[in-house]
Amino acid sequence: MKSFSKIFTFLLAFFLLAGSVAHAQDRKGWSRKAKGAAIGGAGGAVLGGLVGGGKGALIGAGAGVVGGGLVGRNQDKKKDPARYYNYKNK
């Protein structure tokens, strides 16, 4: 009975992941807005952590996410207008 539950769990996970991988290939990847927010958040957290400790890391991460997202949004607007208008209208 234990082997049945392991096999069932494995097959369930396989089919769920296979379905999500097939769906993810339809997308173009990360937008510049998303990349900017991720990089800004990580950089802000590191810099804030070095300067202000734990609370500084949270503040730096928040500021980095907002700043990086704004910069990336402007890059999307200039270099990929179709993607920009797609998420602007949501």
C-alpha atoms as a PDB file:
ATOM      1  CA  MET A   1       0.000   0.000   0.000  1.00  0.00           C
ATOM      2  CA  LYS A   2       2.886   2.355   0.696  1.00  0.00           C
ATOM      3  CA  SER A   3       4.284   1.865  -2.788  1.00  0.00           C
ATOM      4  CA  PHE A   4       0.864   2.686  -4.313  1.00  0.00           C
ATOM      5  CA  SER A   5       0.702   6.027  -2.516  1.00  0.00           C
ATOM      6  CA  LYS A   6       4.280   6.878  -3.537  1.00  0.00           C
ATOM      7  CA  ILE A   7       3.587   6.032  -7.171  1.00  0.00           C
ATOM      8  CA  PHE A   8       0.299   7.931  -7.113  1.00  0.00           C
ATOM      9  CA  THR A   9       1.983  11.003  -5.601  1.00  0.00           C
ATOM     10  CA  PHE A  10       4.795  10.842  -8.142  1.00  0.00           C
ATOM     11  CA  LEU A  11       2.402  10.566 -11.095  1.00  0.00           C
ATOM     12  CA  LEU A  12       0.198  13.352  -9.790  1.00  0.00           C
ATOM     13  CA  ALA A  13       3.200  15.659  -9.389  1.00  0.00           C
ATOM     14  CA  PHE A  14       4.491  14.696 -12.835  1.00  0.00           C
ATOM     15  CA  PHE A  15       1.220  15.506 -14.589  1.00  0.00           C
ATOM     16  CA  LEU A  16       0.769  18.773 -12.710  1.00  0.00           C
ATOM     17  CA  LEU A  17       4.289  19.914 -13.545  1.00  0.00           C
ATOM     18  CA  ALA A  18       4.067  18.758 -17.159  1.00  0.00           C
ATOM     19  CA  GLY A  19       0.894  20.760 -17.626  1.00  0.00           C
ATOM     20  CA  SER A  20       2.406  23.895 -16.155  1.00  0.00           C
ATOM     21  CA  VAL A  21       5.570  23.572 -18.258  1.00  0.00           C
ATOM     22  CA  ALA A  22       3.530  23.270 -21.431  1.00  0.00           C
ATOM     23  CA  HIS A  23       1.569  26.375 -20.462  1.00  0.00           C
ATOM     24  CA  ALA A  24       4.677  28.352 -19.504  1.00  0.00           C
ATOM     25  CA  GLN A  25       6.240  27.900 -22.937  1.00  0.00           C
ATOM     26  CA  ASP A  26       3.540  30.066 -24.510  1.00  0.00           C
ATOM     27  CA  ARG A  27       4.812  33.173 -22.724  1.00  0.00           C
ATOM     28  CA  LYS A  28       7.657  35.396 -23.840  1.00  0.00           C
ATOM     29  CA  GLY A  29       9.476  35.321 -20.512  1.00  0.00           C
ATOM     30  CA  TRP A  30       9.972  38.009 -17.931  1.00  0.00           C
ATOM     31  CA  SER A  31       9.197  41.567 -18.871  1.00  0.00           C
ATOM     32  CA  ARG A  32      11.713  44.301 -18.182  1.00  0.00           C
ATOM     33  CA  LYS A  33       9.358  45.528 -15.455  1.00  0.00           C
ATOM     34  CA  ALA A  34       9.498  42.169 -13.667  1.00  0.00           C
ATOM     35  CA  LYS A  35      13.264  41.865 -14.096  1.00  0.00           C
ATOM     36  CA  GLY A  36      13.790  45.390 -12.792  1.00  0.00           C
ATOM     37  CA  ALA A  37      11.590  44.741  -9.769  1.00  0.00           C
ATOM     38  CA  ALA A  38      13.378  41.480  -8.941  1.00  0.00           C
ATOM     39  CA  ILE A  39      16.867  42.894  -9.352  1.00  0.00           C
ATOM     40  CA  GLY A  40      15.963  46.103  -7.532  1.00  0.00           C
ATOM     41  CA  GLY A  41      14.399  44.186  -4.658  1.00  0.00           C
ATOM     42  CA  ALA A  42      17.412  41.918  -4.231  1.00  0.00           C
ATOM     43  CA  GLY A  43      19.892  44.769  -4.501  1.00  0.00           C
ATOM     44  CA  GLY A  44      17.884  46.953  -2.142  1.00  0.00           C
ATOM     45  CA  ALA A  45      17.626  44.168   0.409  1.00  0.00           C
ATOM     46  CA  VAL A  46      21.384  43.558   0.351  1.00  0.00           C
ATOM     47  CA  LEU A  47      22.265  47.228   0.562  1.00  0.00           C
ATOM     48  CA  GLY A  48      19.623  47.922   3.198  1.00  0.00           C
ATOM     49  CA  GLY A  49      20.801  44.940   5.223  1.00  0.00           C
ATOM     50  CA  LEU A  50      24.360  46.191   5.182  1.00  0.00           C
ATOM     51  CA  VAL A  51      23.404  49.713   6.184  1.00  0.00           C
ATOM     52  CA  GLY A  52      20.467  49.248   8.528  1.00  0.00           C
ATOM     53  CA  GLY A  53      20.229  45.607   9.576  1.00  0.00           C
ATOM     54  CA  GLY A  54      16.964  43.658   9.375  1.00  0.00           C
ATOM     55  CA  LYS A  55      14.589  46.592   9.219  1.00  0.00           C
ATOM     56  CA  GLY A  56      16.839  48.331   6.710  1.00  0.00           C
ATOM     57  CA  ALA A  57      16.745  45.252   4.497  1.00  0.00           C
ATOM     58  CA  LEU A  58      12.949  45.374   4.372  1.00  0.00           C
ATOM     59  CA  ILE A  59      12.904  49.082   3.582  1.00  0.00           C
ATOM     60  CA  GLY A  60      15.643  48.676   0.969  1.00  0.00           C
ATOM     61  CA  ALA A  61      13.856  45.749  -0.657  1.00  0.00           C
ATOM     62  CA  GLY A  62      10.613  47.704  -0.863  1.00  0.00           C
ATOM     63  CA  ALA A  63      12.315  50.741  -2.342  1.00  0.00           C
ATOM     64  CA  GLY A  64      14.259  48.546  -4.763  1.00  0.00           C
ATOM     65  CA  VAL A  65      11.137  46.761  -5.974  1.00  0.00           C
ATOM     66  CA  VAL A  66       9.317  50.020  -6.612  1.00  0.00           C
ATOM     67  CA  GLY A  67      12.299  51.739  -8.242  1.00  0.00           C
ATOM     68  CA  GLY A  68      13.288  48.742 -10.363  1.00  0.00           C
ATOM     69  CA  GLY A  69       9.702  48.211 -11.458  1.00  0.00           C
ATOM     70  CA  LEU A  70       9.373  51.834 -12.558  1.00  0.00           C
ATOM     71  CA  VAL A  71      12.622  51.745 -14.511  1.00  0.00           C
ATOM     72  CA  GLY A  72      11.673  48.440 -16.144  1.00  0.00           C
ATOM     73  CA  ARG A  73       8.212  49.747 -16.965  1.00  0.00           C
ATOM     74  CA  ASN A  74       9.706  52.696 -18.813  1.00  0.00           C
ATOM     75  CA  GLN A  75      12.030  50.353 -20.720  1.00  0.00           C
ATOM     76  CA  ASP A  76       9.060  48.180 -21.695  1.00  0.00           C
ATOM     77  CA  LYS A  77       7.205  51.277 -22.853  1.00  0.00           C
ATOM     78  CA  LYS A  78      10.076  52.239 -25.170  1.00  0.00           C
ATOM     79  CA  LYS A  79      11.340  48.839 -26.367  1.00  0.00           C
ATOM     80  CA  ASP A  80       8.294  46.538 -26.236  1.00  0.00           C
ATOM     81  CA  PRO A  81       5.122  48.644 -26.503  1.00  0.00           C
ATOM     82  CA  ALA A  82       2.836  45.646 -27.103  1.00  0.00           C
ATOM     83  CA  ARG A  83       3.804  44.088 -23.780  1.00  0.00           C
ATOM     84  CA  TYR A  84       3.556  47.452 -22.005  1.00  0.00           C
ATOM     85  CA  TYR A  85       0.024  48.093 -23.225  1.00  0.00           C
ATOM     86  CA  ASN A  86      -0.945  44.504 -22.386  1.00  0.00           C
ATOM     87  CA  TYR A  87      -0.229  44.924 -18.666  1.00  0.00           C
ATOM     88  CA  LYS A  88      -1.156  48.601 -18.593  1.00  0.00           C
ATOM     89  CA  ASN A  89      -4.755  47.837 -19.553  1.00  0.00           C
ATOM     90  CA  LYS A  90      -5.284  45.181 -16.851  1.00  0.00           C
END
